[in-house]
C-alpha atoms as a PDB file:
ATOM      1  CA  MET A   1      50.653 -59.198 -11.654  1.00  0.00           C
ATOM      2  CA  ASP A   2      51.127 -56.400 -14.015  1.00  0.00           C
ATOM      3  CA  ALA A   3      47.930 -56.866 -15.511  1.00  0.00           C
ATOM      4  CA  LEU A   4      46.052 -56.610 -11.705  1.00  0.00           C
ATOM      5  CA  LYS A   5      47.989 -53.560 -10.772  1.00  0.00           C
ATOM      6  CA  LYS A   6      46.850 -52.049 -14.616  1.00  0.00           C
ATOM      7  CA  GLY A   7      43.466 -53.063 -14.016  1.00  0.00           C
ATOM      8  CA  LEU A   8      43.301 -51.433 -10.746  1.00  0.00           C
ATOM      9  CA  TYR A   9      45.096 -48.151 -11.911  1.00  0.00           C
ATOM     10  CA  LYS A  10      42.380 -48.257 -14.751  1.00  0.00           C
ATOM     11  CA  ALA A  11      39.627 -48.756 -12.142  1.00  0.00           C
ATOM     12  CA  LYS A  12      41.020 -45.689  -9.987  1.00  0.00           C
ATOM     13  CA  ASP A  13      41.146 -43.492 -12.798  1.00  0.00           C
ATOM     14  CA  GLY A  14      37.487 -44.429 -13.698  1.00  0.00           C
ATOM     15  CA  VAL A  15      36.549 -43.860 -10.111  1.00  0.00           C
ATOM     16  CA  VAL A  16      38.479 -40.479 -10.049  1.00  0.00           C
ATOM     17  CA  SER A  17      36.815 -39.465 -13.028  1.00  0.00           C
ATOM     18  CA  ALA A  18      33.084 -40.407 -11.992  1.00  0.00           C
ATOM     19  CA  ALA A  19      33.901 -38.392  -8.865  1.00  0.00           C
ATOM     20  CA  GLU A  20      35.161 -35.297 -10.618  1.00  0.00           C
ATOM     21  CA  LYS A  21      32.264 -35.425 -12.957  1.00  0.00           C
ATOM     22  CA  THR A  22      29.884 -35.728 -10.012  1.00  0.00           C
ATOM     23  CA  LYS A  23      31.312 -33.232  -8.233  1.00  0.00           C
ATOM     24  CA  ALA A  24      30.699 -30.812 -11.272  1.00  0.00           C
ATOM     25  CA  GLY A  25      27.077 -31.929 -11.383  1.00  0.00           C
ATOM     26  CA  VAL A  26      26.862 -31.288  -7.974  1.00  0.00           C
ATOM     27  CA  GLY A  27      28.094 -27.989  -7.819  1.00  0.00           C
ATOM     28  CA  GLU A  28      26.219 -27.189 -11.284  1.00  0.00           C
ATOM     29  CA  ALA A  29      22.883 -28.321  -9.494  1.00  0.00           C
ATOM     30  CA  ALA A  30      23.752 -26.403  -6.409  1.00  0.00           C
ATOM     31  CA  SER A  31      24.521 -23.228  -8.719  1.00  0.00           C
ATOM     32  CA  LYS A  32      20.953 -23.541 -10.469  1.00  0.00           C
ATOM     33  CA  THR A  33      18.910 -24.235  -7.175  1.00  0.00           C
ATOM     34  CA  LYS A  34      20.702 -21.047  -5.407  1.00  0.00           C
ATOM     35  CA  ASP A  35      19.625 -19.021  -8.633  1.00  0.00           C
ATOM     36  CA  GLY A  36      16.307 -20.680  -8.486  1.00  0.00           C
ATOM     37  CA  VAL A  37      15.675 -19.714  -4.732  1.00  0.00           C
ATOM     38  CA  PHE A  38      16.988 -16.297  -5.190  1.00  0.00           C
ATOM     39  CA  TYR A  39      14.367 -16.037  -8.500  1.00  0.00           C
ATOM     40  CA  VAL A  40      11.412 -17.270  -6.539  1.00  0.00           C
ATOM     41  CA  GLY A  41      12.415 -15.129  -3.200  1.00  0.00           C
ATOM     42  CA  ASN A  42      12.803 -11.715  -5.397  1.00  0.00           C
ATOM     43  CA  LYS A  43       9.297 -12.379  -7.015  1.00  0.00           C
ATOM     44  CA  THR A  44       7.793 -13.314  -3.841  1.00  0.00           C
ATOM     45  CA  MET A  45       9.248 -10.104  -2.416  1.00  0.00           C
ATOM     46  CA  GLU A  46       7.909  -8.120  -5.341  1.00  0.00           C
ATOM     47  CA  GLY A  47       4.562  -9.487  -4.888  1.00  0.00           C
ATOM     48  CA  VAL A  48       4.503  -8.721  -1.234  1.00  0.00           C
ATOM     49  CA  VAL A  49       5.594  -5.096  -1.827  1.00  0.00           C
ATOM     50  CA  THR A  50       3.167  -4.686  -4.256  1.00  0.00           C
ATOM     51  CA  GLY A  51       0.412  -6.269  -1.962  1.00  0.00           C
ATOM     52  CA  VAL A  52       1.691  -3.720   0.700  1.00  0.00           C
ATOM     53  CA  ASN A  53       1.571  -0.642  -2.201  1.00  0.00           C
ATOM     54  CA  THR A  54      -2.087  -1.745  -2.961  1.00  0.00           C
ATOM     55  CA  VAL A  55      -3.229  -1.853   0.668  1.00  0.00           C
ATOM     56  CA  ALA A  56      -1.648   1.572   1.264  1.00  0.00           C
ATOM     57  CA  GLN A  57      -3.383   3.097  -1.527  1.00  0.00           C
ATOM     58  CA  LYS A  58      -6.454   1.490  -0.644  1.00  0.00           C
ATOM     59  CA  SER A  59      -6.142   3.171   2.638  1.00  0.00           C
ATOM     60  CA  ASN A  60      -5.768   6.524   1.441  1.00  0.00           C
ATOM     61  CA  GLU A  61      -8.679   6.317  -0.514  1.00  0.00           C
ATOM     62  CA  GLN A  62     -10.624   5.129   2.438  1.00  0.00           C
ATOM     63  CA  VAL A  63      -9.200   7.950   4.666  1.00  0.00           C
ATOM     64  CA  ASP A  64      -9.776  10.516   2.066  1.00  0.00           C
ATOM     65  CA  ALA A  65     -13.490   9.512   1.620  1.00  0.00           C
ATOM     66  CA  VAL A  66     -13.927   9.551   5.432  1.00  0.00           C
ATOM     67  CA  ALA A  67     -12.209  12.783   6.006  1.00  0.00           C
ATOM     68  CA  ASP A  68     -14.494  14.497   2.920  1.00  0.00           C
ATOM     69  CA  THR A  69     -17.528  12.997   4.746  1.00  0.00           C
ATOM     70  CA  ALA A  70     -16.313  14.246   7.999  1.00  0.00           C
ATOM     71  CA  VAL A  71     -15.887  17.663   6.808  1.00  0.00           C
ATOM     72  CA  ALA A  72     -19.164  17.811   5.042  1.00  0.00           C
ATOM     73  CA  GLY A  73     -20.939  16.858   8.094  1.00  0.00           C
ATOM     74  CA  ALA A  74     -18.967  19.166  10.295  1.00  0.00           C
ATOM     75  CA  ASN A  75     -19.731  22.294   7.781  1.00  0.00           C
ATOM     76  CA  GLU A  76     -23.769  20.880   7.889  1.00  0.00           C
ATOM     77  CA  VAL A  77     -23.658  21.253  11.749  1.00  0.00           C
ATOM     78  CA  ALA A  78     -21.795  24.523  11.840  1.00  0.00           C
ATOM     79  CA  GLN A  79     -24.263  25.718   9.200  1.00  0.00           C
ATOM     80  CA  ALA A  80     -27.216  24.394  11.257  1.00  0.00           C
ATOM     81  CA  ALA A  81     -25.670  25.934  14.768  1.00  0.00           C
ATOM     82  CA  VAL A  82     -25.377  29.535  12.927  1.00  0.00           C
ATOM     83  CA  GLU A  83     -28.856  29.055  12.077  1.00  0.00           C
ATOM     84  CA  GLY A  84     -30.131  27.939  15.367  1.00  0.00           C
ATOM     85  CA  VAL A  85     -28.166  31.066  16.693  1.00  0.00           C
ATOM     86  CA  GLU A  86     -29.465  33.302  14.346  1.00  0.00           C
ATOM     87  CA  ASN A  87     -33.038  32.037  14.768  1.00  0.00           C
ATOM     88  CA  ALA A  88     -32.526  32.383  18.436  1.00  0.00           C
ATOM     89  CA  ALA A  89     -31.366  35.735  18.436  1.00  0.00           C
ATOM     90  CA  VAL A  90     -34.041  36.902  16.167  1.00  0.00           C
ATOM     91  CA  SER A  91     -36.983  35.306  18.233  1.00  0.00           C
ATOM     92  CA  SER A  92     -35.815  36.680  21.387  1.00  0.00           C
ATOM     93  CA  GLY A  93     -35.796  40.122  19.808  1.00  0.00           C
ATOM     94  CA  PHE A  94     -31.995  40.267  20.229  1.00  0.00           C
ATOM     95  CA  VAL A  95     -31.618  41.315  16.975  1.00  0.00           C
ATOM     96  CA  SER A  96     -33.987  42.056  14.227  1.00  0.00           C
ATOM     97  CA  ALA A  97     -34.194  39.900  11.061  1.00  0.00           C
ATOM     98  CA  ASP A  98     -33.136  42.876   8.590  1.00  0.00           C
ATOM     99  CA  ALA A  99     -29.896  42.912  10.694  1.00  0.00           C
ATOM    100  CA  LEU A 100     -29.095  39.133   9.649  1.00  0.00           C
ATOM    101  CA  PRO A 101     -27.082  38.516   6.363  1.00  0.00           C
ATOM    102  CA  LYS A 102     -29.086  37.261   3.480  1.00  0.00           C
ATOM    103  CA  ALA A 103     -28.689  34.071   2.219  1.00  0.00           C
ATOM    104  CA  ALA A 104     -27.890  32.890  -1.341  1.00  0.00           C
ATOM    105  CA  ALA A 105     -29.472  30.154  -3.056  1.00  0.00           C
ATOM    106  CA  GLY A 106     -26.634  27.482  -1.789  1.00  0.00           C
ATOM    107  CA  GLY A 107     -27.520  28.964   2.080  1.00  0.00           C
ATOM    108  CA  GLU A 108     -24.265  30.527   2.160  1.00  0.00           C
ATOM    109  CA  PRO A 109     -24.433  34.587   2.541  1.00  0.00           C
ATOM    110  CA  THR A 110     -23.780  36.838  -0.225  1.00  0.00           C
ATOM    111  CA  GLU A 111     -20.181  38.341  -0.227  1.00  0.00           C
ATOM    112  CA  GLN A 112     -22.058  41.605  -0.293  1.00  0.00           C
ATOM    113  CA  ALA A 113     -24.163  40.755   2.690  1.00  0.00           C
ATOM    114  CA  ALA A 114     -21.301  39.325   4.683  1.00  0.00           C
ATOM    115  CA  GLN A 115     -19.538  42.535   4.215  1.00  0.00           C
END
């Protein structure tokens, strides 16, 4: 009977030891899994932030290009309107051609003529 009890105690000790090792192994595995998930999450978040910043930068560049084009177009339209009004005023005899400011090579009135 003593031999049976002794054998059962040894078996019990073995089961307890195996359970403790299993518990420690599972805890370590869970910790590593958690670290891995956090790592992947951080890398994914960094990638999303980088992607959003890239899209925002490209949007700014496109808006700048559109704004520059719009300003250039508005300037051309304004210049054409001024020239049209000048031509209409001269052809109707409202003003003489000599009274209009002289345009420089770029189409803009010279500073002296504008004064």
